């Protein structure tokens, strides 16, 4: 890990701070490459201007699909925008919730699973101890650096315990091993 950390010296994990945008970016990034997700996001920004609950709600599914979103992802982002615009969505005070509570609240939303909730914890709330063992990039980095067994979900969970309470930091550096350009949701 020391070499991986040295290689990413001077870089840092940064939060965009906007909960809706962070979650929408995470939905866009589900199961596609970082490069493809970035291209779709740029087209979404170009189409809507600012990607906000209001702007998304004022658009329609066809418009969202036109930027490269799948039908499902477009639906999920529309529903997320409606939830954030609702009273229930506005009442959530993310910093006051535990990691488990954040995951619980988010996974009640359609289109948001554990991986997306964990990306939110890492990239929006900057929680220090998240180890997303369902992330293929994390598993690939563990496999390349520490052997194929460590790249399996069950072994990764145990292996990651050594980095508690800074597993988000370890994860970020492991991602840098695969791609030196930092991702930010």
N, C-alpha and C. Protein backbone atom coordinates (compact mmCIF):
# COMPACT_ATOMS: atom_id res chain seq x y z
N UNK A 1 0.84 -1.20 0.00
CA UNK A 1 0.00 0.00 0.00
C UNK A 1 0.88 1.26 0.00
N UNK A 2 2.04 1.17 0.61
CA UNK A 2 2.92 2.34 0.69
C UNK A 2 3.23 2.90 -0.71
N UNK A 3 3.55 2.01 -1.65
CA UNK A 3 3.86 2.44 -3.01
C UNK A 3 2.67 3.07 -3.71
N UNK A 4 1.50 2.53 -3.47
CA UNK A 4 0.27 3.07 -4.06
C UNK A 4 0.02 4.48 -3.54
N UNK A 5 0.21 4.66 -2.24
CA UNK A 5 0.00 5.98 -1.63
C UNK A 5 1.02 6.98 -2.17
N UNK A 6 2.27 6.55 -2.27
CA UNK A 6 3.31 7.45 -2.80
C UNK A 6 2.98 7.89 -4.24
N UNK A 7 2.46 6.97 -5.02
CA UNK A 7 2.15 7.27 -6.42
C UNK A 7 1.05 8.32 -6.57
N UNK A 8 0.20 8.44 -5.57
CA UNK A 8 -0.89 9.42 -5.65
C UNK A 8 -0.64 10.62 -4.73
N UNK A 9 0.62 10.85 -4.41
CA UNK A 9 0.99 11.97 -3.54
C UNK A 9 0.52 13.29 -4.17
N UNK A 10 -0.02 14.14 -3.34
CA UNK A 10 -0.50 15.44 -3.80
C UNK A 10 -1.95 15.45 -4.24
N UNK A 11 -2.53 14.26 -4.38
CA UNK A 11 -3.95 14.18 -4.74
C UNK A 11 -4.76 13.92 -3.48
N UNK A 12 -6.02 14.30 -3.50
CA UNK A 12 -6.86 14.08 -2.33
C UNK A 12 -8.30 13.82 -2.76
N UNK A 13 -9.00 13.11 -1.92
CA UNK A 13 -10.42 12.88 -2.11
C UNK A 13 -11.15 14.17 -1.78
N UNK A 14 -12.00 14.62 -2.70
CA UNK A 14 -12.73 15.87 -2.49
C UNK A 14 -14.22 15.63 -2.67
N UNK A 15 -15.00 16.31 -1.86
CA UNK A 15 -16.45 16.21 -1.96
C UNK A 15 -16.99 17.32 -2.85
N UNK A 16 -17.98 16.97 -3.65
CA UNK A 16 -18.68 18.00 -4.42
C UNK A 16 -19.72 18.67 -3.54
N UNK A 17 -20.10 18.01 -2.44
CA UNK A 17 -20.98 18.60 -1.46
C UNK A 17 -22.47 18.59 -1.77
N UNK A 18 -22.85 18.42 -3.01
CA UNK A 18 -24.25 18.47 -3.38
C UNK A 18 -24.81 17.05 -3.39
N UNK A 19 -25.68 16.74 -2.44
CA UNK A 19 -26.18 15.38 -2.27
C UNK A 19 -26.90 14.87 -3.52
N UNK A 20 -27.77 15.68 -4.10
CA UNK A 20 -28.49 15.24 -5.29
C UNK A 20 -27.53 14.94 -6.44
N UNK A 21 -26.62 15.86 -6.70
CA UNK A 21 -25.69 15.65 -7.80
C UNK A 21 -24.80 14.43 -7.56
N UNK A 22 -24.37 14.25 -6.34
CA UNK A 22 -23.53 13.10 -6.02
C UNK A 22 -24.27 11.80 -6.31
N UNK A 23 -25.51 11.72 -5.89
CA UNK A 23 -26.30 10.50 -6.13
C UNK A 23 -26.62 10.33 -7.61
N UNK A 24 -26.97 11.42 -8.28
CA UNK A 24 -27.27 11.33 -9.71
C UNK A 24 -26.02 10.88 -10.48
N UNK A 25 -24.86 11.43 -10.12
CA UNK A 25 -23.61 11.01 -10.76
C UNK A 25 -23.34 9.52 -10.51
N UNK A 26 -23.62 9.08 -9.30
CA UNK A 26 -23.41 7.66 -8.98
C UNK A 26 -24.33 6.77 -9.80
N UNK A 27 -25.57 7.20 -9.98
CA UNK A 27 -26.50 6.42 -10.81
C UNK A 27 -26.00 6.39 -12.25
N UNK A 28 -25.58 7.53 -12.77
CA UNK A 28 -25.03 7.57 -14.12
C UNK A 28 -23.86 6.59 -14.24
N UNK A 29 -23.02 6.52 -13.21
CA UNK A 29 -21.82 5.70 -13.24
C UNK A 29 -22.01 4.22 -12.97
N UNK A 30 -23.22 3.81 -12.66
CA UNK A 30 -23.46 2.39 -12.36
C UNK A 30 -23.16 1.53 -13.58
N UNK A 31 -22.29 0.57 -13.40
CA UNK A 31 -22.00 -0.48 -14.38
C UNK A 31 -21.49 0.02 -15.73
N UNK A 32 -20.89 1.21 -15.75
CA UNK A 32 -20.22 1.68 -16.97
C UNK A 32 -18.87 2.24 -16.57
N UNK A 33 -18.01 2.44 -17.53
CA UNK A 33 -16.67 2.95 -17.24
C UNK A 33 -16.74 4.39 -16.74
N UNK A 34 -15.70 4.80 -16.05
CA UNK A 34 -15.62 6.17 -15.55
C UNK A 34 -15.66 7.15 -16.73
N UNK A 35 -14.96 6.81 -17.80
CA UNK A 35 -14.91 7.67 -18.98
C UNK A 35 -16.30 7.83 -19.61
N UNK A 36 -17.02 6.73 -19.75
CA UNK A 36 -18.37 6.78 -20.32
C UNK A 36 -19.31 7.58 -19.42
N UNK A 37 -19.21 7.36 -18.11
CA UNK A 37 -20.05 8.09 -17.16
C UNK A 37 -19.79 9.59 -17.24
N UNK A 38 -18.53 9.96 -17.36
CA UNK A 38 -18.16 11.38 -17.45
C UNK A 38 -18.76 12.01 -18.71
N UNK A 39 -18.70 11.28 -19.82
CA UNK A 39 -19.25 11.79 -21.08
C UNK A 39 -20.76 11.99 -20.98
N UNK A 40 -21.46 11.03 -20.38
CA UNK A 40 -22.91 11.14 -20.20
C UNK A 40 -23.23 12.33 -19.30
N UNK A 41 -22.48 12.49 -18.21
CA UNK A 41 -22.72 13.59 -17.28
C UNK A 41 -22.53 14.94 -17.97
N UNK A 42 -21.48 15.06 -18.77
CA UNK A 42 -21.24 16.32 -19.48
C UNK A 42 -22.39 16.65 -20.43
N UNK A 43 -22.91 15.63 -21.12
CA UNK A 43 -24.07 15.85 -22.00
C UNK A 43 -25.31 16.24 -21.20
N UNK A 44 -25.46 15.64 -20.02
CA UNK A 44 -26.59 15.98 -19.15
C UNK A 44 -26.50 17.44 -18.70
N UNK A 45 -25.30 17.86 -18.32
CA UNK A 45 -25.10 19.26 -17.92
C UNK A 45 -25.35 20.21 -19.10
N UNK A 46 -24.90 19.80 -20.26
CA UNK A 46 -25.11 20.63 -21.45
C UNK A 46 -26.60 20.79 -21.75
N UNK A 47 -27.34 19.71 -21.58
CA UNK A 47 -28.78 19.71 -21.88
C UNK A 47 -29.56 20.50 -20.83
N UNK A 48 -29.24 20.29 -19.55
CA UNK A 48 -30.04 20.88 -18.47
C UNK A 48 -29.47 22.17 -17.91
N UNK A 49 -28.23 22.45 -18.18
CA UNK A 49 -27.58 23.56 -17.49
C UNK A 49 -27.05 23.01 -16.18
N UNK A 50 -27.67 23.39 -15.11
CA UNK A 50 -27.30 22.86 -13.79
C UNK A 50 -28.14 21.61 -13.54
N UNK A 51 -27.48 20.54 -13.13
CA UNK A 51 -28.21 19.30 -12.83
C UNK A 51 -28.72 19.40 -11.40
N UNK A 52 -29.99 19.73 -11.27
CA UNK A 52 -30.61 19.92 -9.96
C UNK A 52 -31.97 19.23 -9.97
N UNK A 53 -32.55 19.00 -8.79
CA UNK A 53 -33.89 18.40 -8.77
C UNK A 53 -34.89 19.19 -9.63
N UNK A 54 -34.80 20.50 -9.57
CA UNK A 54 -35.73 21.34 -10.33
C UNK A 54 -35.53 21.17 -11.84
N UNK A 55 -34.28 21.21 -12.29
CA UNK A 55 -33.99 21.08 -13.72
C UNK A 55 -34.35 19.70 -14.24
N UNK A 56 -34.05 18.67 -13.45
CA UNK A 56 -34.37 17.30 -13.86
C UNK A 56 -35.89 17.14 -13.92
N UNK A 57 -36.59 17.63 -12.90
CA UNK A 57 -38.05 17.51 -12.87
C UNK A 57 -38.72 18.26 -14.02
N UNK A 58 -38.09 19.32 -14.49
CA UNK A 58 -38.65 20.10 -15.60
C UNK A 58 -38.39 19.43 -16.96
N UNK A 59 -37.54 18.42 -16.97
CA UNK A 59 -37.27 17.70 -18.22
C UNK A 59 -38.18 16.47 -18.29
N UNK A 60 -37.96 15.63 -19.29
CA UNK A 60 -38.74 14.39 -19.38
C UNK A 60 -37.79 13.23 -19.67
N UNK A 61 -38.34 12.03 -19.62
CA UNK A 61 -37.53 10.83 -19.81
C UNK A 61 -36.84 10.82 -21.17
N UNK A 62 -37.53 11.28 -22.20
CA UNK A 62 -36.95 11.30 -23.54
C UNK A 62 -35.72 12.20 -23.58
N UNK A 63 -35.83 13.35 -22.94
CA UNK A 63 -34.71 14.28 -22.89
C UNK A 63 -33.53 13.66 -22.15
N UNK A 64 -33.79 13.00 -21.04
CA UNK A 64 -32.72 12.36 -20.28
C UNK A 64 -32.10 11.20 -21.06
N UNK A 65 -32.93 10.44 -21.74
CA UNK A 65 -32.41 9.34 -22.56
C UNK A 65 -31.56 9.87 -23.70
N UNK A 66 -31.88 11.06 -24.16
CA UNK A 66 -31.15 11.67 -25.27
C UNK A 66 -29.69 11.98 -24.97
N UNK A 67 -29.32 12.01 -23.70
CA UNK A 67 -27.92 12.27 -23.34
C UNK A 67 -27.13 10.98 -23.17
N UNK A 68 -27.82 9.84 -23.33
CA UNK A 68 -27.12 8.56 -23.23
C UNK A 68 -27.48 7.73 -22.02
N UNK A 69 -28.46 8.18 -21.25
CA UNK A 69 -28.91 7.38 -20.10
C UNK A 69 -29.82 6.26 -20.57
N UNK A 70 -29.72 5.12 -19.92
CA UNK A 70 -30.67 4.04 -20.19
C UNK A 70 -32.04 4.47 -19.68
N UNK A 71 -33.07 3.79 -20.13
CA UNK A 71 -34.43 4.11 -19.67
C UNK A 71 -34.52 4.01 -18.16
N UNK A 72 -33.94 2.96 -17.59
CA UNK A 72 -34.00 2.77 -16.13
C UNK A 72 -33.27 3.88 -15.39
N UNK A 73 -32.06 4.20 -15.83
CA UNK A 73 -31.31 5.26 -15.15
C UNK A 73 -32.04 6.60 -15.25
N UNK A 74 -32.64 6.87 -16.39
CA UNK A 74 -33.41 8.11 -16.54
C UNK A 74 -34.57 8.13 -15.54
N UNK A 75 -35.26 7.00 -15.40
CA UNK A 75 -36.36 6.90 -14.43
C UNK A 75 -35.84 7.12 -13.01
N UNK A 76 -34.75 6.46 -12.68
CA UNK A 76 -34.20 6.57 -11.32
C UNK A 76 -33.83 8.02 -10.99
N UNK A 77 -33.22 8.71 -11.94
CA UNK A 77 -32.81 10.09 -11.69
C UNK A 77 -34.03 11.00 -11.59
N UNK A 78 -35.06 10.75 -12.40
CA UNK A 78 -36.31 11.52 -12.29
C UNK A 78 -36.94 11.31 -10.92
N UNK A 79 -37.00 10.06 -10.47
CA UNK A 79 -37.59 9.76 -9.16
C UNK A 79 -36.76 10.35 -8.03
N UNK A 80 -35.45 10.31 -8.18
CA UNK A 80 -34.57 10.90 -7.17
C UNK A 80 -34.80 12.41 -7.09
N UNK A 81 -34.95 13.06 -8.23
CA UNK A 81 -35.21 14.51 -8.26
C UNK A 81 -36.52 14.82 -7.56
N UNK A 82 -37.54 14.02 -7.83
CA UNK A 82 -38.84 14.24 -7.17
C UNK A 82 -38.73 14.06 -5.67
N UNK A 83 -37.96 13.05 -5.24
CA UNK A 83 -37.79 12.81 -3.81
C UNK A 83 -37.04 13.96 -3.14
N UNK A 84 -35.97 14.44 -3.78
CA UNK A 84 -35.21 15.56 -3.20
C UNK A 84 -36.06 16.83 -3.15
N UNK A 85 -36.96 16.99 -4.10
CA UNK A 85 -37.84 18.17 -4.11
C UNK A 85 -38.96 18.05 -3.09
N UNK A 86 -39.24 16.82 -2.66
CA UNK A 86 -40.32 16.60 -1.70
C UNK A 86 -39.89 17.00 -0.29
N UNK A 87 -40.86 17.11 0.55
CA UNK A 87 -40.59 17.46 1.95
C UNK A 87 -39.71 16.40 2.61
N UNK A 88 -40.00 15.13 2.35
CA UNK A 88 -39.23 14.03 2.96
C UNK A 88 -37.76 14.11 2.56
N UNK A 89 -37.50 14.36 1.30
CA UNK A 89 -36.12 14.45 0.83
C UNK A 89 -35.37 15.64 1.38
N UNK A 90 -36.07 16.74 1.56
CA UNK A 90 -35.43 17.95 2.08
C UNK A 90 -35.15 17.86 3.58
N UNK A 91 -35.86 16.97 4.27
CA UNK A 91 -35.70 16.88 5.73
C UNK A 91 -34.51 16.02 6.17
N UNK A 92 -33.90 15.32 5.25
CA UNK A 92 -32.78 14.44 5.63
C UNK A 92 -31.55 15.29 5.94
N UNK A 93 -31.00 15.10 7.12
CA UNK A 93 -29.77 15.79 7.53
C UNK A 93 -28.64 14.77 7.50
N UNK A 94 -28.06 14.61 6.31
CA UNK A 94 -27.08 13.55 6.06
C UNK A 94 -25.95 13.48 7.09
N UNK A 95 -25.33 14.59 7.46
CA UNK A 95 -24.20 14.50 8.38
C UNK A 95 -24.55 13.92 9.76
N UNK A 96 -25.81 14.00 10.13
CA UNK A 96 -26.24 13.51 11.44
C UNK A 96 -26.49 12.00 11.45
N UNK A 97 -26.58 11.38 10.28
CA UNK A 97 -26.89 9.96 10.19
C UNK A 97 -25.63 9.11 10.24
N UNK A 98 -25.75 7.92 10.81
CA UNK A 98 -24.65 6.96 10.76
C UNK A 98 -24.53 6.41 9.34
N UNK A 99 -23.44 5.74 9.06
CA UNK A 99 -23.28 5.12 7.74
C UNK A 99 -24.43 4.16 7.45
N UNK A 100 -24.76 3.34 8.43
CA UNK A 100 -25.84 2.35 8.25
C UNK A 100 -27.18 3.05 8.00
N UNK A 101 -27.43 4.16 8.68
CA UNK A 101 -28.68 4.91 8.47
C UNK A 101 -28.72 5.53 7.07
N UNK A 102 -27.59 6.06 6.62
CA UNK A 102 -27.53 6.64 5.27
C UNK A 102 -27.83 5.56 4.24
N UNK A 103 -27.21 4.40 4.39
CA UNK A 103 -27.43 3.30 3.46
C UNK A 103 -28.90 2.89 3.48
N UNK A 104 -29.49 2.82 4.66
CA UNK A 104 -30.89 2.44 4.78
C UNK A 104 -31.82 3.44 4.09
N UNK A 105 -31.61 4.72 4.33
CA UNK A 105 -32.45 5.76 3.71
C UNK A 105 -32.31 5.72 2.19
N UNK A 106 -31.08 5.62 1.72
CA UNK A 106 -30.86 5.67 0.28
C UNK A 106 -31.35 4.44 -0.46
N UNK A 107 -31.15 3.27 0.13
CA UNK A 107 -31.54 2.05 -0.58
C UNK A 107 -33.05 1.85 -0.61
N UNK A 108 -33.80 2.70 0.06
CA UNK A 108 -35.26 2.70 -0.09
C UNK A 108 -35.67 3.32 -1.43
N UNK A 109 -34.76 4.08 -2.04
CA UNK A 109 -35.01 4.73 -3.33
C UNK A 109 -34.75 3.72 -4.44
N UNK A 110 -35.60 3.72 -5.43
CA UNK A 110 -35.40 2.85 -6.59
C UNK A 110 -34.14 3.29 -7.34
N UNK A 111 -33.31 2.33 -7.71
CA UNK A 111 -32.10 2.63 -8.46
C UNK A 111 -30.88 2.87 -7.61
N UNK A 112 -31.07 2.85 -6.29
CA UNK A 112 -29.93 3.05 -5.40
C UNK A 112 -29.75 1.79 -4.56
N UNK A 113 -28.66 1.12 -4.83
CA UNK A 113 -28.30 -0.06 -4.05
C UNK A 113 -27.16 0.27 -3.10
N UNK A 114 -26.63 -0.74 -2.51
CA UNK A 114 -25.56 -0.55 -1.53
C UNK A 114 -24.34 0.16 -2.14
N UNK A 115 -23.93 -0.25 -3.36
CA UNK A 115 -22.76 0.36 -3.99
C UNK A 115 -22.96 1.87 -4.15
N UNK A 116 -24.11 2.29 -4.65
CA UNK A 116 -24.38 3.71 -4.86
C UNK A 116 -24.39 4.45 -3.53
N UNK A 117 -24.99 3.85 -2.51
CA UNK A 117 -25.00 4.46 -1.17
C UNK A 117 -23.58 4.59 -0.63
N UNK A 118 -22.75 3.59 -0.87
CA UNK A 118 -21.36 3.66 -0.39
C UNK A 118 -20.58 4.73 -1.14
N UNK A 119 -20.83 4.90 -2.44
CA UNK A 119 -20.17 5.98 -3.19
C UNK A 119 -20.59 7.33 -2.61
N UNK A 120 -21.84 7.46 -2.22
CA UNK A 120 -22.34 8.68 -1.59
C UNK A 120 -21.61 8.93 -0.27
N UNK A 121 -21.46 7.89 0.53
CA UNK A 121 -20.75 8.03 1.80
C UNK A 121 -19.31 8.49 1.59
N UNK A 122 -18.66 7.91 0.59
CA UNK A 122 -17.26 8.24 0.33
C UNK A 122 -17.12 9.62 -0.30
N UNK A 123 -17.86 9.87 -1.38
CA UNK A 123 -17.62 11.06 -2.19
C UNK A 123 -18.41 12.30 -1.79
N UNK A 124 -19.53 12.14 -1.14
CA UNK A 124 -20.31 13.32 -0.74
C UNK A 124 -20.10 13.64 0.74
N UNK A 125 -20.23 12.61 1.56
CA UNK A 125 -20.12 12.85 3.01
C UNK A 125 -18.69 12.69 3.53
N UNK A 126 -17.79 12.20 2.68
CA UNK A 126 -16.39 11.99 3.05
C UNK A 126 -16.25 11.15 4.31
N UNK A 127 -17.05 10.11 4.41
CA UNK A 127 -16.96 9.21 5.56
C UNK A 127 -15.66 8.42 5.45
N UNK A 128 -14.93 8.29 6.55
CA UNK A 128 -13.58 7.72 6.48
C UNK A 128 -13.48 6.20 6.42
N UNK A 129 -14.53 5.48 6.79
CA UNK A 129 -14.37 4.03 6.95
C UNK A 129 -15.38 3.23 6.14
N UNK A 130 -15.39 3.45 4.83
CA UNK A 130 -16.29 2.71 3.94
C UNK A 130 -15.41 1.84 3.04
N UNK A 131 -15.74 0.57 2.94
CA UNK A 131 -14.98 -0.36 2.11
C UNK A 131 -15.96 -1.08 1.19
N UNK A 132 -16.17 -0.54 -0.02
CA UNK A 132 -17.21 -1.06 -0.92
C UNK A 132 -16.80 -2.35 -1.63
N UNK A 133 -16.96 -3.46 -0.95
CA UNK A 133 -16.48 -4.75 -1.47
C UNK A 133 -17.26 -5.24 -2.69
N UNK A 134 -18.29 -4.53 -3.10
CA UNK A 134 -18.98 -4.87 -4.34
C UNK A 134 -18.43 -4.07 -5.52
N UNK A 135 -17.44 -3.22 -5.27
CA UNK A 135 -16.87 -2.40 -6.32
C UNK A 135 -15.83 -3.21 -7.10
N UNK A 136 -16.08 -3.36 -8.40
CA UNK A 136 -15.18 -4.18 -9.22
C UNK A 136 -13.78 -3.61 -9.31
N UNK A 137 -13.65 -2.30 -9.31
CA UNK A 137 -12.33 -1.67 -9.34
C UNK A 137 -11.54 -1.98 -8.08
N UNK A 138 -12.19 -1.89 -6.95
CA UNK A 138 -11.52 -2.21 -5.68
C UNK A 138 -11.05 -3.66 -5.69
N UNK A 139 -11.92 -4.57 -6.10
CA UNK A 139 -11.56 -5.99 -6.13
C UNK A 139 -10.42 -6.25 -7.11
N UNK A 140 -10.45 -5.58 -8.25
CA UNK A 140 -9.38 -5.75 -9.23
C UNK A 140 -8.04 -5.25 -8.68
N UNK A 141 -8.06 -4.09 -8.02
CA UNK A 141 -6.82 -3.55 -7.44
C UNK A 141 -6.28 -4.49 -6.37
N UNK A 142 -7.16 -4.99 -5.51
CA UNK A 142 -6.72 -5.93 -4.47
C UNK A 142 -6.09 -7.17 -5.10
N UNK A 143 -6.71 -7.67 -6.15
CA UNK A 143 -6.20 -8.85 -6.84
C UNK A 143 -4.83 -8.59 -7.45
N UNK A 144 -4.67 -7.45 -8.12
CA UNK A 144 -3.39 -7.11 -8.75
C UNK A 144 -2.28 -6.89 -7.74
N UNK A 145 -2.61 -6.24 -6.64
CA UNK A 145 -1.58 -5.88 -5.66
C UNK A 145 -1.29 -6.96 -4.63
N UNK A 146 -2.31 -7.72 -4.27
CA UNK A 146 -2.16 -8.64 -3.13
C UNK A 146 -2.48 -10.09 -3.47
N UNK A 147 -2.78 -10.38 -4.72
CA UNK A 147 -3.07 -11.76 -5.12
C UNK A 147 -4.54 -11.98 -5.40
N UNK A 148 -4.80 -12.94 -6.26
CA UNK A 148 -6.16 -13.17 -6.74
C UNK A 148 -7.15 -13.48 -5.64
N UNK A 149 -6.73 -14.16 -4.59
CA UNK A 149 -7.65 -14.48 -3.50
C UNK A 149 -8.18 -13.21 -2.82
N UNK A 150 -7.34 -12.20 -2.69
CA UNK A 150 -7.75 -10.95 -2.03
C UNK A 150 -8.76 -10.18 -2.89
N UNK A 151 -8.84 -10.52 -4.17
CA UNK A 151 -9.78 -9.86 -5.06
C UNK A 151 -11.16 -10.48 -5.05
N UNK A 152 -11.37 -11.43 -4.17
CA UNK A 152 -12.70 -12.03 -4.02
C UNK A 152 -13.40 -11.33 -2.86
N UNK A 153 -14.70 -11.13 -3.01
CA UNK A 153 -15.47 -10.35 -2.04
C UNK A 153 -15.25 -10.80 -0.60
N UNK A 154 -15.37 -12.09 -0.32
CA UNK A 154 -15.26 -12.58 1.06
C UNK A 154 -13.87 -12.31 1.63
N UNK A 155 -12.84 -12.53 0.84
CA UNK A 155 -11.48 -12.29 1.32
C UNK A 155 -11.21 -10.79 1.44
N UNK A 156 -11.78 -10.00 0.54
CA UNK A 156 -11.57 -8.55 0.55
C UNK A 156 -12.10 -7.93 1.84
N UNK A 157 -13.26 -8.37 2.28
CA UNK A 157 -13.82 -7.83 3.53
C UNK A 157 -12.85 -8.02 4.68
N UNK A 158 -12.36 -9.24 4.81
CA UNK A 158 -11.43 -9.54 5.90
C UNK A 158 -10.12 -8.78 5.72
N UNK A 159 -9.59 -8.77 4.51
CA UNK A 159 -8.33 -8.10 4.22
C UNK A 159 -8.43 -6.60 4.52
N UNK A 160 -9.57 -6.01 4.22
CA UNK A 160 -9.77 -4.59 4.44
C UNK A 160 -9.80 -4.17 5.89
N UNK A 161 -10.03 -5.12 6.79
CA UNK A 161 -10.09 -4.79 8.21
C UNK A 161 -8.80 -4.14 8.71
N UNK A 162 -7.67 -4.45 8.09
CA UNK A 162 -6.39 -3.89 8.52
C UNK A 162 -6.33 -2.37 8.34
N UNK A 163 -7.20 -1.83 7.49
CA UNK A 163 -7.17 -0.40 7.22
C UNK A 163 -8.22 0.37 8.02
N UNK A 164 -8.99 -0.31 8.87
CA UNK A 164 -9.95 0.40 9.72
C UNK A 164 -9.19 1.36 10.62
N UNK A 165 -9.69 2.52 10.90
CA UNK A 165 -10.95 3.16 10.48
C UNK A 165 -10.78 4.06 9.25
N UNK A 166 -9.83 3.74 8.38
CA UNK A 166 -9.54 4.59 7.22
C UNK A 166 -9.71 3.83 5.90
N UNK A 167 -10.71 2.97 5.84
CA UNK A 167 -10.88 2.14 4.64
C UNK A 167 -11.30 2.95 3.41
N UNK A 168 -11.98 4.07 3.60
CA UNK A 168 -12.31 4.92 2.44
C UNK A 168 -11.03 5.44 1.79
N UNK A 169 -10.09 5.83 2.63
CA UNK A 169 -8.80 6.32 2.14
C UNK A 169 -8.06 5.21 1.42
N UNK A 170 -8.03 4.02 2.00
CA UNK A 170 -7.38 2.87 1.36
C UNK A 170 -8.04 2.58 0.02
N UNK A 171 -9.36 2.61 -0.01
CA UNK A 171 -10.10 2.35 -1.25
C UNK A 171 -9.73 3.37 -2.31
N UNK A 172 -9.70 4.63 -1.95
CA UNK A 172 -9.37 5.70 -2.89
C UNK A 172 -7.98 5.47 -3.49
N UNK A 173 -7.03 5.12 -2.64
CA UNK A 173 -5.67 4.87 -3.13
C UNK A 173 -5.61 3.62 -4.00
N UNK A 174 -6.38 2.60 -3.65
CA UNK A 174 -6.42 1.40 -4.49
C UNK A 174 -7.00 1.72 -5.87
N UNK A 175 -8.01 2.58 -5.91
CA UNK A 175 -8.54 3.02 -7.20
C UNK A 175 -7.48 3.76 -7.99
N UNK A 176 -6.65 4.56 -7.32
CA UNK A 176 -5.58 5.31 -8.00
C UNK A 176 -4.58 4.35 -8.63
N UNK A 177 -4.42 3.18 -8.04
CA UNK A 177 -3.53 2.17 -8.64
C UNK A 177 -4.03 1.81 -10.04
N UNK A 178 -5.33 1.73 -10.21
CA UNK A 178 -5.91 1.36 -11.51
C UNK A 178 -5.99 2.54 -12.46
N UNK A 179 -6.26 3.71 -11.92
CA UNK A 179 -6.43 4.91 -12.73
C UNK A 179 -5.93 6.11 -11.93
N UNK A 180 -4.82 6.69 -12.34
CA UNK A 180 -4.27 7.80 -11.56
C UNK A 180 -5.14 9.06 -11.55
N UNK A 181 -6.11 9.14 -12.45
CA UNK A 181 -6.99 10.31 -12.47
C UNK A 181 -8.11 10.10 -11.46
N UNK A 182 -8.18 10.95 -10.43
CA UNK A 182 -9.21 10.77 -9.39
C UNK A 182 -10.63 10.94 -9.94
N UNK A 183 -11.49 10.08 -9.47
CA UNK A 183 -12.91 10.14 -9.79
C UNK A 183 -13.59 10.92 -8.68
N UNK A 184 -14.59 11.68 -9.01
CA UNK A 184 -15.37 12.38 -7.99
C UNK A 184 -16.84 12.30 -8.37
N UNK A 185 -17.61 11.70 -7.51
CA UNK A 185 -19.05 11.63 -7.75
C UNK A 185 -19.67 12.85 -7.11
